[in-house]
């Protein structure tokens, strides 16, 4: 019975992963993710995600993108970042919204690269 429950959980997790993965393609053009970023993040991170030098990171930087895993980005949004002004969004945004923000942030690197 435990094996069945574990298998069902794995399938559910895979389904969630596939759902979230769909945000990664064209997330910068995803109007809902963009609105979510603009409403909750742009006041500190800028409307283009380039941040404020010395205060907030530049999400369009390939170096920043390479140094931050998806899990680290989700954790930062969910729990905030200790020692910084980054607040925790847990309880304010849903898990799906947090993941869509992560994919939107990821897409800013791709959008930046496409314009080079």
C-alpha atoms as a PDB file:
ATOM      1  CA  UNK A   1       0.000   0.000   0.000  1.00  0.00           C
ATOM      2  CA  UNK A   2       2.882   2.387   0.796  1.00  0.00           C
ATOM      3  CA  UNK A   3       4.378   1.686  -2.620  1.00  0.00           C
ATOM      4  CA  UNK A   4       1.064   2.592  -4.291  1.00  0.00           C
ATOM      5  CA  UNK A   5       0.791   5.807  -2.287  1.00  0.00           C
ATOM      6  CA  UNK A   6       4.397   6.677  -3.168  1.00  0.00           C
ATOM      7  CA  UNK A   7       3.701   5.997  -6.865  1.00  0.00           C
ATOM      8  CA  UNK A   8       0.612   8.205  -6.819  1.00  0.00           C
ATOM      9  CA  UNK A   9       2.588  10.969  -5.135  1.00  0.00           C
ATOM     10  CA  UNK A  10       5.338  10.675  -7.752  1.00  0.00           C
ATOM     11  CA  UNK A  11       2.772  10.907 -10.555  1.00  0.00           C
ATOM     12  CA  UNK A  12       1.163  13.936  -8.922  1.00  0.00           C
ATOM     13  CA  UNK A  13       4.568  15.576  -8.514  1.00  0.00           C
ATOM     14  CA  UNK A  14       5.397  14.859 -12.141  1.00  0.00           C
ATOM     15  CA  UNK A  15       2.084  16.389 -13.185  1.00  0.00           C
ATOM     16  CA  UNK A  16       2.818  19.501 -11.167  1.00  0.00           C
ATOM     17  CA  UNK A  17       6.327  19.676 -12.627  1.00  0.00           C
ATOM     18  CA  UNK A  18       4.941  19.408 -16.145  1.00  0.00           C
ATOM     19  CA  UNK A  19       2.408  22.121 -15.392  1.00  0.00           C
ATOM     20  CA  UNK A  20       5.073  24.459 -14.051  1.00  0.00           C
ATOM     21  CA  UNK A  21       7.428  23.602 -16.905  1.00  0.00           C
ATOM     22  CA  UNK A  22       4.893  24.993 -19.361  1.00  0.00           C
ATOM     23  CA  UNK A  23       5.540  28.463 -17.935  1.00  0.00           C
ATOM     24  CA  UNK A  24       9.203  28.342 -18.930  1.00  0.00           C
ATOM     25  CA  UNK A  25       8.522  28.642 -22.632  1.00  0.00           C
ATOM     26  CA  UNK A  26       7.612  32.218 -23.383  1.00  0.00           C
ATOM     27  CA  UNK A  27       7.107  33.176 -19.753  1.00  0.00           C
ATOM     28  CA  UNK A  28       8.271  36.726 -20.478  1.00  0.00           C
ATOM     29  CA  UNK A  29       5.332  37.000 -22.862  1.00  0.00           C
ATOM     30  CA  UNK A  30       2.986  35.273 -20.388  1.00  0.00           C
ATOM     31  CA  UNK A  31       0.632  38.167 -19.521  1.00  0.00           C
ATOM     32  CA  UNK A  32      -0.448  36.713 -16.162  1.00  0.00           C
ATOM     33  CA  UNK A  33       3.139  36.125 -15.004  1.00  0.00           C
ATOM     34  CA  UNK A  34       4.184  39.560 -16.232  1.00  0.00           C
ATOM     35  CA  UNK A  35       1.289  41.217 -14.338  1.00  0.00           C
ATOM     36  CA  UNK A  36       2.194  39.245 -11.213  1.00  0.00           C
ATOM     37  CA  UNK A  37       5.819  40.407 -11.487  1.00  0.00           C
ATOM     38  CA  UNK A  38       4.784  44.005 -12.159  1.00  0.00           C
ATOM     39  CA  UNK A  39       2.351  44.053  -9.218  1.00  0.00           C
ATOM     40  CA  UNK A  40       4.605  42.387  -6.651  1.00  0.00           C
ATOM     41  CA  UNK A  41       8.241  42.584  -7.747  1.00  0.00           C
ATOM     42  CA  UNK A  42       8.893  45.492 -10.099  1.00  0.00           C
ATOM     43  CA  UNK A  43       8.959  48.165  -7.394  1.00  0.00           C
ATOM     44  CA  UNK A  44      12.274  46.695  -6.164  1.00  0.00           C
ATOM     45  CA  UNK A  45      13.501  44.668  -9.133  1.00  0.00           C
ATOM     46  CA  UNK A  46      12.456  47.103 -11.870  1.00  0.00           C
ATOM     47  CA  UNK A  47       9.870  46.509 -14.595  1.00  0.00           C
ATOM     48  CA  UNK A  48      12.509  44.845 -16.756  1.00  0.00           C
ATOM     49  CA  UNK A  49      14.022  42.722 -13.941  1.00  0.00           C
ATOM     50  CA  UNK A  50      17.377  44.508 -14.139  1.00  0.00           C
ATOM     51  CA  UNK A  51      17.195  45.462 -10.462  1.00  0.00           C
ATOM     52  CA  UNK A  52      18.801  48.399  -8.746  1.00  0.00           C
ATOM     53  CA  UNK A  53      22.620  48.263  -8.610  1.00  0.00           C
ATOM     54  CA  UNK A  54      23.812  47.527  -5.105  1.00  0.00           C
ATOM     55  CA  UNK A  55      20.295  46.791  -3.871  1.00  0.00           C
ATOM     56  CA  UNK A  56      18.549  44.128  -5.927  1.00  0.00           C
ATOM     57  CA  UNK A  57      19.864  41.560  -8.421  1.00  0.00           C
ATOM     58  CA  UNK A  58      19.789  41.868 -12.172  1.00  0.00           C
ATOM     59  CA  UNK A  59      17.666  38.900 -13.249  1.00  0.00           C
ATOM     60  CA  UNK A  60      18.694  39.439 -16.872  1.00  0.00           C
ATOM     61  CA  UNK A  61      22.335  38.692 -16.056  1.00  0.00           C
ATOM     62  CA  UNK A  62      23.459  35.311 -17.401  1.00  0.00           C
ATOM     63  CA  UNK A  63      25.884  35.136 -14.456  1.00  0.00           C
ATOM     64  CA  UNK A  64      23.083  35.654 -11.920  1.00  0.00           C
ATOM     65  CA  UNK A  65      20.908  33.121 -13.764  1.00  0.00           C
ATOM     66  CA  UNK A  66      23.699  30.513 -13.726  1.00  0.00           C
ATOM     67  CA  UNK A  67      24.292  30.935  -9.998  1.00  0.00           C
ATOM     68  CA  UNK A  68      20.659  30.493  -8.937  1.00  0.00           C
ATOM     69  CA  UNK A  69      18.792  27.195  -9.257  1.00  0.00           C
ATOM     70  CA  UNK A  70      15.049  27.106  -9.731  1.00  0.00           C
ATOM     71  CA  UNK A  71      14.763  25.786  -6.168  1.00  0.00           C
ATOM     72  CA  UNK A  72      16.807  28.692  -4.810  1.00  0.00           C
ATOM     73  CA  UNK A  73      14.634  31.227  -6.633  1.00  0.00           C
ATOM     74  CA  UNK A  74      11.444  29.564  -5.364  1.00  0.00           C
ATOM     75  CA  UNK A  75      12.852  29.491  -1.814  1.00  0.00           C
ATOM     76  CA  UNK A  76      13.777  33.189  -1.993  1.00  0.00           C
ATOM     77  CA  UNK A  77      10.296  34.154  -3.168  1.00  0.00           C
ATOM     78  CA  UNK A  78       8.592  31.836  -0.690  1.00  0.00           C
ATOM     79  CA  UNK A  79      10.665  32.545   2.426  1.00  0.00           C
ATOM     80  CA  UNK A  80      12.338  35.863   1.676  1.00  0.00           C
ATOM     81  CA  UNK A  81      16.087  36.385   1.928  1.00  0.00           C
ATOM     82  CA  UNK A  82      17.542  36.859   5.388  1.00  0.00           C
ATOM     83  CA  UNK A  83      19.598  40.010   5.794  1.00  0.00           C
ATOM     84  CA  UNK A  84      17.957  41.725   2.819  1.00  0.00           C
ATOM     85  CA  UNK A  85      14.758  43.632   2.117  1.00  0.00           C
ATOM     86  CA  UNK A  86      13.352  40.624   0.199  1.00  0.00           C
ATOM     87  CA  UNK A  87      10.105  39.669   1.959  1.00  0.00           C
ATOM     88  CA  UNK A  88       8.538  36.237   2.204  1.00  0.00           C
ATOM     89  CA  UNK A  89       5.595  35.804  -0.158  1.00  0.00           C
ATOM     90  CA  UNK A  90       4.389  32.550   1.410  1.00  0.00           C
ATOM     91  CA  UNK A  91       0.746  33.010   2.364  1.00  0.00           C
ATOM     92  CA  UNK A  92       0.434  36.036   0.057  1.00  0.00           C
ATOM     93  CA  UNK A  93       0.971  34.205  -3.229  1.00  0.00           C
ATOM     94  CA  UNK A  94      -0.034  30.672  -4.125  1.00  0.00           C
ATOM     95  CA  UNK A  95       2.533  27.987  -4.892  1.00  0.00           C
ATOM     96  CA  UNK A  96       1.522  28.199  -8.553  1.00  0.00           C
ATOM     97  CA  UNK A  97       2.039  31.975  -8.567  1.00  0.00           C
ATOM     98  CA  UNK A  98       5.459  31.607  -6.944  1.00  0.00           C
ATOM     99  CA  UNK A  99       6.480  29.047  -9.561  1.00  0.00           C
ATOM    100  CA  UNK A 100       5.166  31.236 -12.376  1.00  0.00           C
ATOM    101  CA  UNK A 101       7.304  34.087 -11.011  1.00  0.00           C
ATOM    102  CA  UNK A 102      10.336  31.808 -10.962  1.00  0.00           C
ATOM    103  CA  UNK A 103       9.747  30.857 -14.603  1.00  0.00           C
ATOM    104  CA  UNK A 104       9.148  34.498 -15.499  1.00  0.00           C
ATOM    105  CA  UNK A 105      12.462  35.439 -13.838  1.00  0.00           C
ATOM    106  CA  UNK A 106      14.166  32.632 -15.789  1.00  0.00           C
ATOM    107  CA  UNK A 107      12.683  33.926 -19.031  1.00  0.00           C
ATOM    108  CA  UNK A 108      14.166  37.383 -18.479  1.00  0.00           C
ATOM    109  CA  UNK A 109      17.595  35.927 -19.205  1.00  0.00           C
ATOM    110  CA  UNK A 110      16.326  34.386 -22.430  1.00  0.00           C
ATOM    111  CA  UNK A 111      14.550  37.602 -23.397  1.00  0.00           C
ATOM    112  CA  UNK A 112      17.746  39.573 -22.718  1.00  0.00           C
ATOM    113  CA  UNK A 113      19.843  37.166 -24.801  1.00  0.00           C
ATOM    114  CA  UNK A 114      17.408  37.363 -27.707  1.00  0.00           C
ATOM    115  CA  UNK A 115      17.912  41.144 -27.941  1.00  0.00           C
ATOM    116  CA  UNK A 116      21.730  41.048 -27.956  1.00  0.00           C
END
